[in-house]
C-alpha atoms as a PDB file:
ATOM      1  CA  MET A   1      57.033 -59.582  11.486  1.00  0.00           C
ATOM      2  CA  PHE A   2      59.876 -58.054   9.481  1.00  0.00           C
ATOM      3  CA  VAL A   3      59.955 -55.090  11.881  1.00  0.00           C
ATOM      4  CA  ASN A   4      60.070 -57.440  14.861  1.00  0.00           C
ATOM      5  CA  MET A   5      62.964 -59.318  13.273  1.00  0.00           C
ATOM      6  CA  LEU A   6      64.884 -56.056  12.801  1.00  0.00           C
ATOM      7  CA  ARG A   7      64.265 -55.150  16.427  1.00  0.00           C
ATOM      8  CA  TYR A   8      65.506 -58.557  17.510  1.00  0.00           C
ATOM      9  CA  LEU A   9      68.683 -58.245  15.419  1.00  0.00           C
ATOM     10  CA  LEU A  10      69.266 -54.735  16.738  1.00  0.00           C
ATOM     11  CA  PHE A  11      68.910 -56.038  20.295  1.00  0.00           C
ATOM     12  CA  ILE A  12      71.468 -58.806  19.631  1.00  0.00           C
ATOM     13  CA  PHE A  13      73.885 -56.293  18.079  1.00  0.00           C
ATOM     14  CA  ILE A  14      73.610 -53.936  21.055  1.00  0.00           C
ATOM     15  CA  PHE A  15      74.049 -56.818  23.501  1.00  0.00           C
ATOM     16  CA  LEU A  16      77.174 -58.075  21.738  1.00  0.00           C
ATOM     17  CA  PHE A  17      78.593 -54.551  21.480  1.00  0.00           C
ATOM     18  CA  ILE A  18      78.124 -53.953  25.192  1.00  0.00           C
ATOM     19  CA  THR A  19      79.624 -57.351  26.037  1.00  0.00           C
ATOM     20  CA  VAL A  20      82.742 -56.795  23.922  1.00  0.00           C
ATOM     21  CA  THR A  21      83.128 -53.213  25.149  1.00  0.00           C
ATOM     22  CA  ASN A  22      82.830 -54.254  28.769  1.00  0.00           C
ATOM     23  CA  TYR A  23      85.309 -57.068  28.257  1.00  0.00           C
ATOM     24  CA  GLY A  24      87.838 -54.639  26.862  1.00  0.00           C
ATOM     25  CA  GLN A  25      87.519 -52.522  30.007  1.00  0.00           C
ATOM     26  CA  ASP A  26      87.293 -55.426  32.486  1.00  0.00           C
ATOM     27  CA  PHE A  27      90.656 -56.507  33.840  1.00  0.00           C
ATOM     28  CA  ALA A  28      90.787 -59.952  35.467  1.00  0.00           C
ATOM     29  CA  PRO A  29      87.334 -61.357  34.646  1.00  0.00           C
ATOM     30  CA  VAL A  30      86.318 -64.178  36.992  1.00  0.00           C
ATOM     31  CA  GLY A  31      88.084 -67.330  35.828  1.00  0.00           C
ATOM     32  CA  ALA A  32      91.130 -65.506  34.434  1.00  0.00           C
ATOM     33  CA  LYS A  33      94.441 -67.239  35.212  1.00  0.00           C
ATOM     34  CA  TRP A  34      98.064 -66.097  35.092  1.00  0.00           C
ATOM     35  CA  HIS A  35     101.050 -68.439  35.324  1.00  0.00           C
ATOM     36  CA  TYR A  36     104.508 -67.158  36.275  1.00  0.00           C
ATOM     37  CA  SER A  37     107.783 -69.046  36.677  1.00  0.00           C
ATOM     38  CA  PHE A  38     109.195 -69.193  40.185  1.00  0.00           C
ATOM     39  CA  PRO A  39     112.819 -70.390  40.573  1.00  0.00           C
ATOM     40  CA  GLU A  40     114.102 -72.043  43.712  1.00  0.00           C
ATOM     41  CA  PHE A  41     116.817 -70.283  45.717  1.00  0.00           C
ATOM     42  CA  SER A  42     120.317 -71.348  44.588  1.00  0.00           C
ATOM     43  CA  SER A  43     118.851 -74.280  42.660  1.00  0.00           C
ATOM     44  CA  PRO A  44     118.189 -75.209  39.028  1.00  0.00           C
ATOM     45  CA  SER A  45     114.726 -76.442  40.027  1.00  0.00           C
ATOM     46  CA  GLN A  46     111.763 -74.278  39.148  1.00  0.00           C
ATOM     47  CA  GLY A  47     108.078 -74.234  40.010  1.00  0.00           C
ATOM     48  CA  TYR A  48     105.423 -71.675  39.203  1.00  0.00           C
ATOM     49  CA  ILE A  49     102.889 -69.290  40.708  1.00  0.00           C
ATOM     50  CA  LEU A  50      99.257 -69.421  39.634  1.00  0.00           C
ATOM     51  CA  ILE A  51      97.103 -66.315  40.111  1.00  0.00           C
ATOM     52  CA  GLU A  52      93.378 -66.743  39.515  1.00  0.00           C
ATOM     53  CA  SER A  53      90.478 -64.296  39.567  1.00  0.00           C
ATOM     54  CA  VAL A  54      88.002 -66.185  41.748  1.00  0.00           C
ATOM     55  CA  LYS A  55      85.041 -63.912  42.466  1.00  0.00           C
ATOM     56  CA  ASP A  56      83.407 -60.516  42.268  1.00  0.00           C
ATOM     57  CA  THR A  57      83.421 -58.510  45.473  1.00  0.00           C
ATOM     58  CA  THR A  58      82.680 -55.003  46.734  1.00  0.00           C
ATOM     59  CA  VAL A  59      85.353 -53.012  48.560  1.00  0.00           C
ATOM     60  CA  LEU A  60      85.025 -49.318  49.386  1.00  0.00           C
ATOM     61  CA  SER A  61      81.910 -49.257  47.166  1.00  0.00           C
ATOM     62  CA  LYS A  62      83.972 -50.444  44.178  1.00  0.00           C
ATOM     63  CA  ASN A  63      83.020 -53.444  42.031  1.00  0.00           C
ATOM     64  CA  ALA A  64      86.253 -55.350  42.530  1.00  0.00           C
ATOM     65  CA  LYS A  65      87.789 -58.770  41.863  1.00  0.00           C
ATOM     66  CA  LYS A  66      89.316 -61.159  44.383  1.00  0.00           C
ATOM     67  CA  LEU A  67      92.555 -62.794  43.185  1.00  0.00           C
ATOM     68  CA  ASN A  68      94.031 -65.910  44.777  1.00  0.00           C
ATOM     69  CA  ALA A  69      97.722 -66.849  44.402  1.00  0.00           C
ATOM     70  CA  THR A  70      99.229 -70.325  44.825  1.00  0.00           C
ATOM     71  CA  HIS A  71     102.876 -71.390  44.715  1.00  0.00           C
ATOM     72  CA  PHE A  72     103.542 -74.812  43.141  1.00  0.00           C
ATOM     73  CA  PRO A  73     107.120 -75.743  44.140  1.00  0.00           C
ATOM     74  CA  PRO A  74     109.112 -78.611  42.574  1.00  0.00           C
ATOM     75  CA  ALA A  75     109.374 -80.887  45.595  1.00  0.00           C
ATOM     76  CA  SER A  76     106.548 -80.107  48.029  1.00  0.00           C
ATOM     77  CA  SER A  77     102.833 -79.405  48.229  1.00  0.00           C
ATOM     78  CA  PRO A  78     101.281 -76.209  46.834  1.00  0.00           C
ATOM     79  CA  THR A  79     101.200 -73.224  49.187  1.00  0.00           C
ATOM     80  CA  SER A  80      98.604 -70.462  49.257  1.00  0.00           C
ATOM     81  CA  LEU A  81     100.086 -66.972  49.021  1.00  0.00           C
ATOM     82  CA  GLN A  82      98.613 -63.614  49.887  1.00  0.00           C
ATOM     83  CA  GLY A  83      95.618 -62.845  47.693  1.00  0.00           C
ATOM     84  CA  GLU A  84      94.886 -59.456  46.158  1.00  0.00           C
ATOM     85  CA  VAL A  85      91.840 -57.294  45.481  1.00  0.00           C
ATOM     86  CA  ILE A  86      91.736 -55.122  42.364  1.00  0.00           C
ATOM     87  CA  PHE A  87      89.237 -53.108  40.417  1.00  0.00           C
ATOM     88  CA  SER A  88      89.392 -51.599  36.927  1.00  0.00           C
ATOM     89  CA  ASP A  89      87.819 -48.487  35.466  1.00  0.00           C
ATOM     90  CA  SER A  90      88.457 -46.437  32.309  1.00  0.00           C
ATOM     91  CA  ASN A  91      91.434 -48.582  31.221  1.00  0.00           C
ATOM     92  CA  LYS A  92      93.101 -48.275  34.628  1.00  0.00           C
ATOM     93  CA  VAL A  93      93.659 -51.001  37.222  1.00  0.00           C
ATOM     94  CA  TYR A  94      93.829 -50.308  40.954  1.00  0.00           C
ATOM     95  CA  LEU A  95      95.260 -52.500  43.717  1.00  0.00           C
ATOM     96  CA  PHE A  96      93.791 -52.535  47.233  1.00  0.00           C
ATOM     97  CA  VAL A  97      96.715 -52.008  49.599  1.00  0.00           C
ATOM     98  CA  TYR A  98      97.189 -50.024  52.818  1.00  0.00           C
ATOM     99  CA  ASN A  99      93.368 -49.907  53.187  1.00  0.00           C
ATOM    100  CA  GLN A 100      92.723 -48.043  49.946  1.00  0.00           C
ATOM    101  CA  PHE A 101      92.942 -48.474  46.180  1.00  0.00           C
ATOM    102  CA  HIS A 102      96.128 -47.332  44.431  1.00  0.00           C
ATOM    103  CA  LEU A 103      96.992 -47.266  40.721  1.00  0.00           C
ATOM    104  CA  LEU A 104      98.646 -50.437  39.413  1.00  0.00           C
ATOM    105  CA  TYR A 105      98.238 -50.145  35.613  1.00  0.00           C
ATOM    106  CA  ASP A 106      97.288 -47.274  33.328  1.00  0.00           C
ATOM    107  CA  PHE A 107      96.657 -48.613  29.843  1.00  0.00           C
ATOM    108  CA  ASN A 108      95.867 -45.075  28.650  1.00  0.00           C
ATOM    109  CA  ALA A 109      99.487 -43.950  29.118  1.00  0.00           C
ATOM    110  CA  ASN A 110     101.534 -43.339  25.976  1.00  0.00           C
ATOM    111  CA  GLN A 111     105.156 -42.696  25.013  1.00  0.00           C
ATOM    112  CA  GLY A 112     106.847 -40.238  27.364  1.00  0.00           C
ATOM    113  CA  ASP A 113     104.238 -40.580  30.122  1.00  0.00           C
ATOM    114  CA  THR A 114     105.250 -41.543  33.652  1.00  0.00           C
ATOM    115  CA  ILE A 115     102.920 -43.797  35.645  1.00  0.00           C
ATOM    116  CA  PHE A 116     103.192 -43.725  39.435  1.00  0.00           C
ATOM    117  CA  VAL A 117     102.504 -47.265  40.642  1.00  0.00           C
ATOM    118  CA  VAL A 118     101.951 -48.267  44.243  1.00  0.00           C
ATOM    119  CA  GLU A 119     104.501 -50.382  46.121  1.00  0.00           C
ATOM    120  CA  PRO A 120     102.540 -53.631  46.590  1.00  0.00           C
ATOM    121  CA  TYR A 121     104.042 -54.407  49.994  1.00  0.00           C
ATOM    122  CA  TYR A 122     105.974 -52.614  52.708  1.00  0.00           C
ATOM    123  CA  SER A 123     109.695 -52.340  51.875  1.00  0.00           C
ATOM    124  CA  GLY A 124     110.880 -50.065  54.662  1.00  0.00           C
ATOM    125  CA  ASN A 125     109.754 -46.789  53.114  1.00  0.00           C
ATOM    126  CA  ASN A 126     106.615 -44.770  53.731  1.00  0.00           C
ATOM    127  CA  LEU A 127     103.358 -46.608  53.125  1.00  0.00           C
ATOM    128  CA  ASP A 128     102.372 -44.181  50.370  1.00  0.00           C
ATOM    129  CA  THR A 129     105.623 -44.543  48.394  1.00  0.00           C
ATOM    130  CA  LEU A 130     105.008 -44.766  44.645  1.00  0.00           C
ATOM    131  CA  ILE A 131     107.182 -46.285  41.917  1.00  0.00           C
ATOM    132  CA  PRO A 132     107.656 -44.091  38.812  1.00  0.00           C
ATOM    133  CA  ILE A 133     107.337 -46.132  35.612  1.00  0.00           C
ATOM    134  CA  LEU A 134     108.346 -44.437  32.343  1.00  0.00           C
ATOM    135  CA  VAL A 135     106.558 -45.482  29.142  1.00  0.00           C
ATOM    136  CA  ASP A 136     109.360 -45.601  26.563  1.00  0.00           C
ATOM    137  CA  SER A 137     107.074 -46.487  23.654  1.00  0.00           C
ATOM    138  CA  THR A 138     103.770 -48.133  22.769  1.00  0.00           C
ATOM    139  CA  LYS A 139     102.483 -50.202  19.894  1.00  0.00           C
ATOM    140  CA  ASN A 140      99.734 -52.649  19.047  1.00  0.00           C
ATOM    141  CA  GLU A 141     100.759 -56.298  18.939  1.00  0.00           C
ATOM    142  CA  ILE A 142      98.893 -59.529  18.292  1.00  0.00           C
ATOM    143  CA  ILE A 143      98.509 -61.182  21.691  1.00  0.00           C
ATOM    144  CA  GLY A 144      96.743 -64.537  21.695  1.00  0.00           C
ATOM    145  CA  GLY A 145      95.271 -63.746  18.298  1.00  0.00           C
ATOM    146  CA  VAL A 146      93.914 -60.349  19.438  1.00  0.00           C
ATOM    147  CA  SER A 147      95.389 -56.887  18.865  1.00  0.00           C
ATOM    148  CA  LYS A 148      96.448 -55.422  22.222  1.00  0.00           C
ATOM    149  CA  LYS A 149      98.200 -52.216  23.208  1.00  0.00           C
ATOM    150  CA  VAL A 150     101.668 -52.881  24.605  1.00  0.00           C
ATOM    151  CA  GLN A 151     103.620 -50.370  26.698  1.00  0.00           C
ATOM    152  CA  TYR A 152     107.410 -50.749  26.763  1.00  0.00           C
ATOM    153  CA  ILE A 153     108.544 -49.457  30.136  1.00  0.00           C
ATOM    154  CA  THR A 154     111.472 -48.610  32.403  1.00  0.00           C
ATOM    155  CA  SER A 155     111.254 -48.438  36.171  1.00  0.00           C
ATOM    156  CA  LEU A 156     112.757 -45.128  37.303  1.00  0.00           C
ATOM    157  CA  GLU A 157     113.170 -46.543  40.810  1.00  0.00           C
ATOM    158  CA  PRO A 158     115.997 -49.103  40.448  1.00  0.00           C
ATOM    159  CA  SER A 159     115.084 -51.043  43.582  1.00  0.00           C
ATOM    160  CA  TRP A 160     111.788 -52.109  41.964  1.00  0.00           C
ATOM    161  CA  TYR A 161     111.377 -54.228  38.828  1.00  0.00           C
ATOM    162  CA  PHE A 162     108.129 -54.311  36.803  1.00  0.00           C
ATOM    163  CA  GLY A 163     109.284 -56.141  33.683  1.00  0.00           C
ATOM    164  CA  SER A 164     110.076 -54.619  30.309  1.00  0.00           C
ATOM    165  CA  LYS A 165     106.555 -54.313  28.906  1.00  0.00           C
ATOM    166  CA  ILE A 166     102.920 -54.157  29.983  1.00  0.00           C
ATOM    167  CA  ILE A 167     100.176 -55.749  27.894  1.00  0.00           C
ATOM    168  CA  LYS A 168      96.668 -54.297  28.038  1.00  0.00           C
ATOM    169  CA  ASP A 169      94.238 -56.572  29.929  1.00  0.00           C
ATOM    170  CA  ILE A 170      97.087 -58.921  30.941  1.00  0.00           C
ATOM    171  CA  GLY A 171      99.696 -56.858  32.786  1.00  0.00           C
ATOM    172  CA  SER A 172     103.470 -57.076  33.157  1.00  0.00           C
ATOM    173  CA  ASP A 173     105.634 -59.534  31.237  1.00  0.00           C
ATOM    174  CA  ASN A 174     107.414 -60.360  34.508  1.00  0.00           C
ATOM    175  CA  TYR A 175     104.830 -60.577  37.321  1.00  0.00           C
ATOM    176  CA  LEU A 176     101.414 -59.110  38.018  1.00  0.00           C
ATOM    177  CA  LEU A 177     102.888 -56.794  40.699  1.00  0.00           C
ATOM    178  CA  PRO A 178     106.197 -54.910  40.888  1.00  0.00           C
ATOM    179  CA  ILE A 179     109.028 -56.935  42.459  1.00  0.00           C
ATOM    180  CA  PHE A 180     111.460 -55.565  45.038  1.00  0.00           C
ATOM    181  CA  ALA A 181     114.851 -56.119  43.389  1.00  0.00           C
ATOM    182  CA  THR A 182     116.638 -57.543  46.449  1.00  0.00           C
ATOM    183  CA  VAL A 183     114.068 -60.327  46.929  1.00  0.00           C
ATOM    184  CA  ASP A 184     115.590 -63.620  45.782  1.00  0.00           C
ATOM    185  CA  PRO A 185     114.083 -65.826  44.551  1.00  0.00           C
ATOM    186  CA  SER A 186     111.395 -63.673  42.994  1.00  0.00           C
ATOM    187  CA  PRO A 187     108.534 -64.622  40.685  1.00  0.00           C
ATOM    188  CA  GLY A 188     108.740 -64.230  36.934  1.00  0.00           C
ATOM    189  CA  PRO A 189     108.882 -64.196  34.076  1.00  0.00           C
ATOM    190  CA  PHE A 190     105.332 -64.470  32.747  1.00  0.00           C
ATOM    191  CA  ARG A 191     104.347 -67.810  31.222  1.00  0.00           C
ATOM    192  CA  CYS A 192     100.653 -67.774  30.298  1.00  0.00           C
ATOM    193  CA  TYR A 193      97.346 -65.954  30.574  1.00  0.00           C
ATOM    194  CA  ASN A 194      93.890 -67.247  29.743  1.00  0.00           C
ATOM    195  CA  ASP A 195      90.244 -66.374  30.299  1.00  0.00           C
ATOM    196  CA  SER A 196      87.018 -67.243  28.482  1.00  0.00           C
ATOM    197  CA  LEU A 197      87.964 -65.121  25.447  1.00  0.00           C
ATOM    198  CA  LEU A 198      91.760 -64.927  25.378  1.00  0.00           C
ATOM    199  CA  ASN A 199      94.540 -67.492  25.517  1.00  0.00           C
ATOM    200  CA  TYR A 200      98.144 -66.234  25.444  1.00  0.00           C
ATOM    201  CA  GLN A 201     101.053 -68.616  26.100  1.00  0.00           C
ATOM    202  CA  LEU A 202     104.793 -68.029  25.897  1.00  0.00           C
ATOM    203  CA  VAL A 203     105.553 -71.662  26.818  1.00  0.00           C
ATOM    204  CA  ASN A 204     104.105 -74.999  25.769  1.00  0.00           C
ATOM    205  CA  ASP A 205     103.373 -76.127  29.330  1.00  0.00           C
ATOM    206  CA  CYS A 206     102.073 -73.384  31.626  1.00  0.00           C
ATOM    207  CA  GLU A 207     102.397 -75.663  34.666  1.00  0.00           C
ATOM    208  CA  GLU A 208     105.853 -77.097  33.966  1.00  0.00           C
ATOM    209  CA  ILE A 209     107.853 -77.976  37.072  1.00  0.00           C
ATOM    210  CA  ILE A 210     111.597 -78.439  36.541  1.00  0.00           C
ATOM    211  CA  THR A 211     113.347 -80.874  38.880  1.00  0.00           C
ATOM    212  CA  SER A 212     115.995 -82.544  36.711  1.00  0.00           C
ATOM    213  CA  ILE A 213     119.570 -81.296  36.586  1.00  0.00           C
ATOM    214  CA  ASP A 214     121.044 -81.154  33.078  1.00  0.00           C
ATOM    215  CA  GLU A 215     124.569 -80.102  32.029  1.00  0.00           C
ATOM    216  CA  LYS A 216     123.590 -76.439  31.947  1.00  0.00           C
ATOM    217  CA  SER A 217     122.204 -76.708  35.480  1.00  0.00           C
ATOM    218  CA  LYS A 218     125.401 -78.385  36.686  1.00  0.00           C
ATOM    219  CA  LEU A 219     127.401 -75.489  35.266  1.00  0.00           C
ATOM    220  CA  GLN A 220     124.981 -73.034  36.944  1.00  0.00           C
ATOM    221  CA  GLU A 221     125.817 -74.624  40.308  1.00  0.00           C
ATOM    222  CA  GLN A 222     129.529 -74.236  39.643  1.00  0.00           C
ATOM    223  CA  VAL A 223     129.306 -70.494  38.952  1.00  0.00           C
ATOM    224  CA  ILE A 224     130.023 -68.332  42.006  1.00  0.00           C
ATOM    225  CA  VAL A 225     129.201 -64.610  42.105  1.00  0.00           C
ATOM    226  CA  TYR A 226     130.054 -62.715  45.279  1.00  0.00           C
ATOM    227  CA  PRO A 227     129.218 -60.562  47.075  1.00  0.00           C
ATOM    228  CA  ASN A 228     125.691 -60.283  45.695  1.00  0.00           C
ATOM    229  CA  PRO A 229     124.134 -57.819  46.496  1.00  0.00           C
ATOM    230  CA  SER A 230     127.124 -55.477  46.571  1.00  0.00           C
ATOM    231  CA  ASN A 231     128.011 -51.812  46.138  1.00  0.00           C
ATOM    232  CA  GLY A 232     128.863 -52.534  42.493  1.00  0.00           C
ATOM    233  CA  SER A 233     132.027 -54.610  42.878  1.00  0.00           C
ATOM    234  CA  PHE A 234     131.562 -58.330  42.085  1.00  0.00           C
ATOM    235  CA  LYS A 235     133.809 -61.332  41.628  1.00  0.00           C
ATOM    236  CA  PHE A 236     133.025 -64.206  39.275  1.00  0.00           C
ATOM    237  CA  GLY A 237     134.415 -67.704  39.752  1.00  0.00           C
ATOM    238  CA  ILE A 238     133.785 -71.108  38.171  1.00  0.00           C
ATOM    239  CA  ASN A 239     134.549 -74.196  40.268  1.00  0.00           C
ATOM    240  CA  ALA A 240     135.493 -76.301  37.251  1.00  0.00           C
ATOM    241  CA  PRO A 241     137.982 -76.347  34.373  1.00  0.00           C
ATOM    242  CA  PHE A 242     136.723 -74.036  31.646  1.00  0.00           C
ATOM    243  CA  GLN A 243     137.643 -72.451  28.359  1.00  0.00           C
ATOM    244  CA  GLU A 244     137.748 -68.688  27.903  1.00  0.00           C
ATOM    245  CA  THR A 245     134.337 -67.376  29.003  1.00  0.00           C
ATOM    246  CA  LYS A 246     132.443 -64.341  27.758  1.00  0.00           C
ATOM    247  CA  LEU A 247     130.645 -62.282  30.415  1.00  0.00           C
ATOM    248  CA  THR A 248     127.843 -59.899  29.373  1.00  0.00           C
ATOM    249  CA  ILE A 249     125.943 -57.590  31.704  1.00  0.00           C
ATOM    250  CA  PHE A 250     122.496 -56.183  30.851  1.00  0.00           C
ATOM    251  CA  ASP A 251     120.408 -53.523  32.564  1.00  0.00           C
ATOM    252  CA  ILE A 252     116.680 -54.094  33.206  1.00  0.00           C
ATOM    253  CA  THR A 253     115.788 -52.761  29.740  1.00  0.00           C
ATOM    254  CA  GLY A 254     117.987 -55.410  28.072  1.00  0.00           C
ATOM    255  CA  LYS A 255     120.725 -52.952  27.082  1.00  0.00           C
ATOM    256  CA  VAL A 256     124.270 -54.347  27.146  1.00  0.00           C
ATOM    257  CA  ILE A 257     126.394 -52.276  29.538  1.00  0.00           C
ATOM    258  CA  VAL A 258     129.479 -54.496  29.993  1.00  0.00           C
ATOM    259  CA  GLU A 259     131.177 -57.166  27.891  1.00  0.00           C
ATOM    260  CA  GLN A 260     134.417 -58.795  28.986  1.00  0.00           C
ATOM    261  CA  LYS A 261     136.347 -62.067  28.961  1.00  0.00           C
ATOM    262  CA  ILE A 262     136.852 -64.267  32.005  1.00  0.00           C
ATOM    263  CA  THR A 263     140.212 -66.015  31.795  1.00  0.00           C
ATOM    264  CA  GLN A 264     140.819 -66.744  35.457  1.00  0.00           C
ATOM    265  CA  ASN A 265     138.792 -68.226  38.273  1.00  0.00           C
ATOM    266  CA  ASN A 266     138.394 -64.997  40.227  1.00  0.00           C
ATOM    267  CA  THR A 267     137.527 -62.206  37.779  1.00  0.00           C
ATOM    268  CA  GLN A 268     136.563 -58.737  38.988  1.00  0.00           C
ATOM    269  CA  LEU A 269     133.471 -56.976  37.615  1.00  0.00           C
ATOM    270  CA  ASN A 270     133.082 -53.264  38.321  1.00  0.00           C
ATOM    271  CA  LEU A 271     129.610 -51.653  38.199  1.00  0.00           C
ATOM    272  CA  LEU A 272     130.477 -48.886  40.666  1.00  0.00           C
ATOM    273  CA  SER A 273     129.731 -46.145  38.122  1.00  0.00           C
ATOM    274  CA  HIS A 274     126.285 -47.545  37.265  1.00  0.00           C
ATOM    275  CA  PRO A 275     123.007 -46.722  39.054  1.00  0.00           C
ATOM    276  CA  LYS A 276     121.764 -48.850  41.919  1.00  0.00           C
ATOM    277  CA  GLY A 277     119.286 -51.553  41.019  1.00  0.00           C
ATOM    278  CA  MET A 278     119.005 -54.942  39.364  1.00  0.00           C
ATOM    279  CA  TYR A 279     121.168 -56.174  36.477  1.00  0.00           C
ATOM    280  CA  PHE A 280     121.427 -59.470  34.632  1.00  0.00           C
ATOM    281  CA  TYR A 281     124.548 -61.425  33.701  1.00  0.00           C
ATOM    282  CA  GLN A 282     125.149 -63.972  30.973  1.00  0.00           C
ATOM    283  CA  LEU A 283     128.121 -66.323  30.944  1.00  0.00           C
ATOM    284  CA  LEU A 284     128.897 -68.157  27.721  1.00  0.00           C
ATOM    285  CA  THR A 285     131.454 -70.965  28.009  1.00  0.00           C
ATOM    286  CA  ASP A 286     132.031 -74.226  26.139  1.00  0.00           C
ATOM    287  CA  GLY A 287     128.859 -73.587  24.136  1.00  0.00           C
ATOM    288  CA  LYS A 288     126.743 -73.386  27.309  1.00  0.00           C
ATOM    289  CA  GLN A 289     124.974 -70.334  28.687  1.00  0.00           C
ATOM    290  CA  VAL A 290     124.405 -69.414  32.329  1.00  0.00           C
ATOM    291  CA  THR A 291     122.326 -66.427  33.436  1.00  0.00           C
ATOM    292  CA  GLY A 292     121.580 -64.752  36.727  1.00  0.00           C
ATOM    293  CA  LYS A 293     120.823 -61.516  38.579  1.00  0.00           C
ATOM    294  CA  LEU A 294     123.119 -58.913  40.146  1.00  0.00           C
ATOM    295  CA  ILE A 295     121.952 -56.384  42.732  1.00  0.00           C
ATOM    296  CA  VAL A 296     123.784 -53.069  43.157  1.00  0.00           C
ATOM    297  CA  GLN A 297     122.882 -51.381  46.449  1.00  0.00           C
END
């Protein structure tokens, strides 16, 4: 009887080990959900996109997952978006696009490695165009109470944005797929991820929909940036009386590249010497902060 009990305990141990090991290698288990913010065009309102792993499937002899995506806007009914098919193997995730699987994430990559990620949709280039993603550094962080490898990244193709970090088993901190920088509005940033074993939230309400207009939002509407996109020459204006305003420009890694004061209603900003791609601006005036995106073409 004692021997049988040992065999039973050994069986349970092996079963649990295999389950945990498989989970660590299984990206997007059925039931997994991602929430991402989704701003409205030229509006302070904001909805969200829900991506959900809905079923197992087989594509090109691969054991894959079917992902559904739904847009929940502030003032209308939810809309189904294009779904995706992915499969994972050996700490890598592949996206089914252009009738074959292409690399989307490589959680094995370490500092100094470059990952070549597929363009998730046609942007005017060749169908097999890849986006080089440099891994600047890696470290383990506590994500939802679990230690996860995190890759801090930089997109080496400025017309594509893939966030600033990638979390093992969850993905980008902006959106599940790379985003073409000239698409506005575009989804992101990441809000929440959960499955049967992991719950990771950066906000209190994953499904928050913003429809009200507060003082900050009113100021956002009064800020004019033009032309945007541009070749690197922008003008900033504020259609309201204002105190001296501080303008800060960041690149996609969060590095400050320009700081200047705005003292008139038509201030010139020059990014002509900087690489093409997406940048972020921050205006600080009267104790209020306004942020937005700039595209240099």
